Amino acid sequence: MDAPLDILEIFLQPGEFYFGEEKTRIRTLLGSCVAITLWHPKRRIGGMCHYMLPHRPQRRPDERLDGRYAEEVILMFMNELQTTKSRPGEYQVKLFGGGQMFHQIHSSDKPRRHIDISARNIEVGRELVQRHGFRLQAEDLGGQGHRNVILDLWSGDVWLKKAALQPPVGKR
């Protein structure tokens, strides 16, 4: 499908969310963060989020939803679906990101305990999509390096460009 002449271009920074109509292209650049894309094939509406963390510790009920957190951004999507009178099962959903951004340093002396934020972002994203009744159509998750993701709301096409993490250059 040809692109409309008057495209609205949206670039999502980490923690941002956008839901819109047909003449829109949404893009983002991901590392350990995850993007969820939603597209309604009949109505040509949808959106994308770029979340950084699985959840916010101790969110107060009076605080606004924050797109930096997976558990809150899925509620932002649900609010948009309520506004548009659509249901989760009507959307095509794709997940991207969760890449490792640093080479792991192994120490034979002591094992290091750390939280793998990339893996947690992936795990929570998959779980939330399923819990809220969305149909997961595709995913490109994990691995190393970053991803450029583009969603065209007029066609539902998602474009992905991956860049691998290069090993550190050794001393000579």
Protein backbone atom coordinates (compact mmCIF):
# COMPACT_ATOMS: atom_id res chain seq x y z
CA MET A 1 0.00 0.00 0.00
CA ASP A 2 1.35 3.43 -0.93
CA ALA A 3 2.11 5.91 1.80
CA PRO A 4 -0.26 8.87 2.14
CA LEU A 5 1.09 12.21 0.95
CA ASP A 6 0.55 14.00 4.25
CA ILE A 7 2.14 11.64 6.78
CA LEU A 8 2.38 12.58 10.44
CA GLU A 9 5.81 11.37 11.65
CA ILE A 10 6.11 10.55 15.36
CA PHE A 11 9.41 9.62 17.03
CA LEU A 12 9.05 8.01 20.45
CA GLN A 13 11.69 8.65 23.07
CA PRO A 14 12.06 6.19 25.97
CA GLY A 15 8.92 6.26 28.10
CA GLU A 16 6.70 7.72 25.37
CA PHE A 17 3.44 6.38 23.98
CA TYR A 18 1.39 7.27 20.90
CA PHE A 19 -1.99 6.05 19.59
CA GLY A 20 -3.38 7.48 16.37
CA GLU A 21 -5.00 7.16 12.97
CA GLU A 22 -4.20 6.03 9.44
CA LYS A 23 -1.88 8.77 8.14
CA THR A 24 0.73 8.21 10.83
CA ARG A 25 4.21 6.68 10.95
CA ILE A 26 5.61 5.94 14.41
CA ARG A 27 9.29 5.18 14.99
CA THR A 28 11.59 4.49 17.86
CA LEU A 29 15.09 3.26 18.70
CA LEU A 30 15.35 0.46 21.26
CA GLY A 31 18.11 -1.02 23.37
CA SER A 32 17.09 -2.92 26.51
CA CYS A 33 13.69 -1.22 26.32
CA VAL A 34 10.70 -2.88 24.64
CA ALA A 35 8.19 -1.54 22.13
CA ILE A 36 4.68 -2.89 21.77
CA THR A 37 2.95 -2.10 18.48
CA LEU A 38 -0.82 -2.40 18.02
CA TRP A 39 -2.67 -2.12 14.71
CA HIS A 40 -6.37 -2.53 13.91
CA PRO A 41 -6.54 -3.82 10.29
CA LYS A 42 -10.13 -2.73 9.60
CA ARG A 43 -10.05 0.71 11.22
CA ARG A 44 -6.37 1.46 10.53
CA ILE A 45 -5.72 2.82 13.97
CA GLY A 46 -3.07 1.78 16.42
CA GLY A 47 -0.06 2.79 18.36
CA MET A 48 3.30 2.10 19.83
CA CYS A 49 4.93 2.41 23.21
CA HIS A 50 8.58 2.44 24.28
CA TYR A 51 8.78 1.24 27.86
CA MET A 52 11.95 1.12 29.93
CA LEU A 53 11.06 -0.92 33.01
CA PRO A 54 8.53 -3.63 33.92
CA HIS A 55 6.78 -1.71 36.71
CA ARG A 56 6.99 1.32 38.95
CA PRO A 57 7.65 0.64 42.58
CA GLN A 58 4.78 1.90 44.71
CA ARG A 59 2.63 3.89 42.31
CA ARG A 60 0.10 6.01 44.18
CA PRO A 61 -3.50 5.85 42.94
CA ASP A 62 -3.55 9.62 42.26
CA GLU A 63 -0.44 9.50 40.02
CA ARG A 64 -0.85 9.65 36.24
CA LEU A 65 0.01 6.58 34.19
CA ASP A 66 3.62 6.68 33.06
CA GLY A 67 4.80 5.21 29.73
CA ARG A 68 8.18 4.32 31.17
CA TYR A 69 6.63 1.26 32.84
CA ALA A 70 5.16 -1.77 31.03
CA GLU A 71 2.34 -2.33 33.49
CA GLU A 72 1.18 1.28 33.11
CA VAL A 73 1.61 1.62 29.35
CA ILE A 74 -0.63 -1.39 28.77
CA LEU A 75 -3.32 0.47 30.76
CA MET A 76 -2.74 3.50 28.52
CA PHE A 77 -3.42 1.26 25.51
CA MET A 78 -6.55 -0.10 27.19
CA ASN A 79 -7.80 3.47 27.76
CA GLU A 80 -7.37 4.17 24.03
CA LEU A 81 -9.26 1.00 23.13
CA GLN A 82 -12.10 2.06 25.42
CA THR A 83 -12.18 5.51 23.76
CA THR A 84 -12.25 3.97 20.25
CA LYS A 85 -14.75 1.29 21.30
CA SER A 86 -12.47 -1.50 20.12
CA ARG A 87 -11.32 -4.74 21.75
CA PRO A 88 -7.83 -6.22 22.26
CA GLY A 89 -8.54 -9.27 20.07
CA GLU A 90 -9.15 -7.00 17.06
CA TYR A 91 -5.53 -5.80 17.01
CA GLN A 92 -2.36 -7.23 15.55
CA VAL A 93 0.33 -6.95 18.20
CA LYS A 94 4.09 -7.17 17.82
CA LEU A 95 6.88 -6.93 20.41
CA PHE A 96 10.41 -5.67 19.80
CA GLY A 97 13.54 -4.94 21.82
CA GLY A 98 14.99 -6.20 25.06
CA GLY A 99 18.50 -6.33 23.64
CA GLN A 100 21.61 -6.67 25.75
CA MET A 101 23.51 -3.43 25.36
CA PHE A 102 26.79 -4.32 27.07
CA HIS A 103 29.14 -7.24 26.75
CA GLN A 104 29.07 -9.26 29.92
CA ILE A 105 32.21 -9.19 32.00
CA HIS A 106 32.91 -12.59 33.49
CA SER A 107 34.89 -12.83 36.67
CA SER A 108 36.20 -16.21 37.74
CA ASP A 109 36.65 -14.93 41.28
CA LYS A 110 33.08 -14.07 42.24
CA PRO A 111 29.82 -14.59 40.41
CA ARG A 112 27.90 -11.33 40.12
CA ARG A 113 24.24 -11.17 40.93
CA HIS A 114 22.32 -8.69 38.84
CA ILE A 115 18.86 -8.14 37.51
CA ASP A 116 18.71 -8.64 33.76
CA ILE A 117 16.42 -5.72 32.88
CA SER A 118 16.24 -6.77 29.22
CA ALA A 119 14.96 -10.24 30.14
CA ARG A 120 12.46 -8.79 32.66
CA ASN A 121 11.15 -6.32 30.07
CA ILE A 122 10.61 -9.18 27.60
CA GLU A 123 8.96 -11.45 30.15
CA VAL A 124 6.57 -8.77 31.42
CA GLY A 125 5.71 -7.57 27.90
CA ARG A 126 4.69 -11.05 26.77
CA GLU A 127 2.71 -11.64 29.95
CA LEU A 128 0.81 -8.34 29.74
CA VAL A 129 -0.11 -8.81 26.07
CA GLN A 130 -1.54 -12.24 26.85
CA ARG A 131 -3.27 -11.17 30.09
CA HIS A 132 -5.14 -8.33 28.36
CA GLY A 133 -6.38 -10.49 25.47
CA PHE A 134 -4.23 -9.22 22.61
CA ARG A 135 -3.16 -11.50 19.72
CA LEU A 136 0.62 -11.60 19.51
CA GLN A 137 1.42 -11.84 15.82
CA ALA A 138 5.21 -11.49 15.84
CA GLU A 139 8.16 -10.62 18.01
CA ASP A 140 11.85 -9.82 17.69
CA LEU A 141 13.25 -9.83 21.21
CA GLY A 142 16.51 -10.34 23.05
CA GLY A 143 19.92 -10.80 21.54
CA GLN A 144 22.52 -8.06 21.54
CA GLY A 145 22.45 -4.54 20.17
CA HIS A 146 19.76 -2.05 19.30
CA ARG A 147 16.78 -1.95 16.95
CA ASN A 148 15.10 0.74 14.88
CA VAL A 149 11.35 0.08 14.67
CA ILE A 150 8.86 1.83 12.36
CA LEU A 151 5.07 1.26 12.32
CA ASP A 152 2.96 2.57 9.44
CA LEU A 153 -0.65 2.94 10.59
CA TRP A 154 -2.05 3.10 7.03
CA SER A 155 -0.83 -0.46 6.28
CA GLY A 156 0.11 -2.06 9.59
CA ASP A 157 3.61 -2.73 8.25
CA VAL A 158 6.34 -2.78 10.84
CA TRP A 159 9.88 -2.20 9.65
CA LEU A 160 12.82 -3.41 11.71
CA LYS A 161 16.53 -2.69 11.39
CA LYS A 162 18.90 -4.37 13.84
CA ALA A 163 22.40 -3.30 14.75
CA ALA A 164 24.61 -5.81 16.50
CA LEU A 165 26.70 -4.90 19.48
CA GLN A 166 30.36 -4.81 18.52
CA PRO A 167 32.92 -6.42 20.88
CA PRO A 168 35.22 -4.05 22.70
CA VAL A 169 38.48 -3.27 20.99
CA GLY A 170 41.43 -4.77 22.86
CA LYS A 171 44.57 -2.87 23.79
CA ARG A 172 47.62 -3.25 21.55
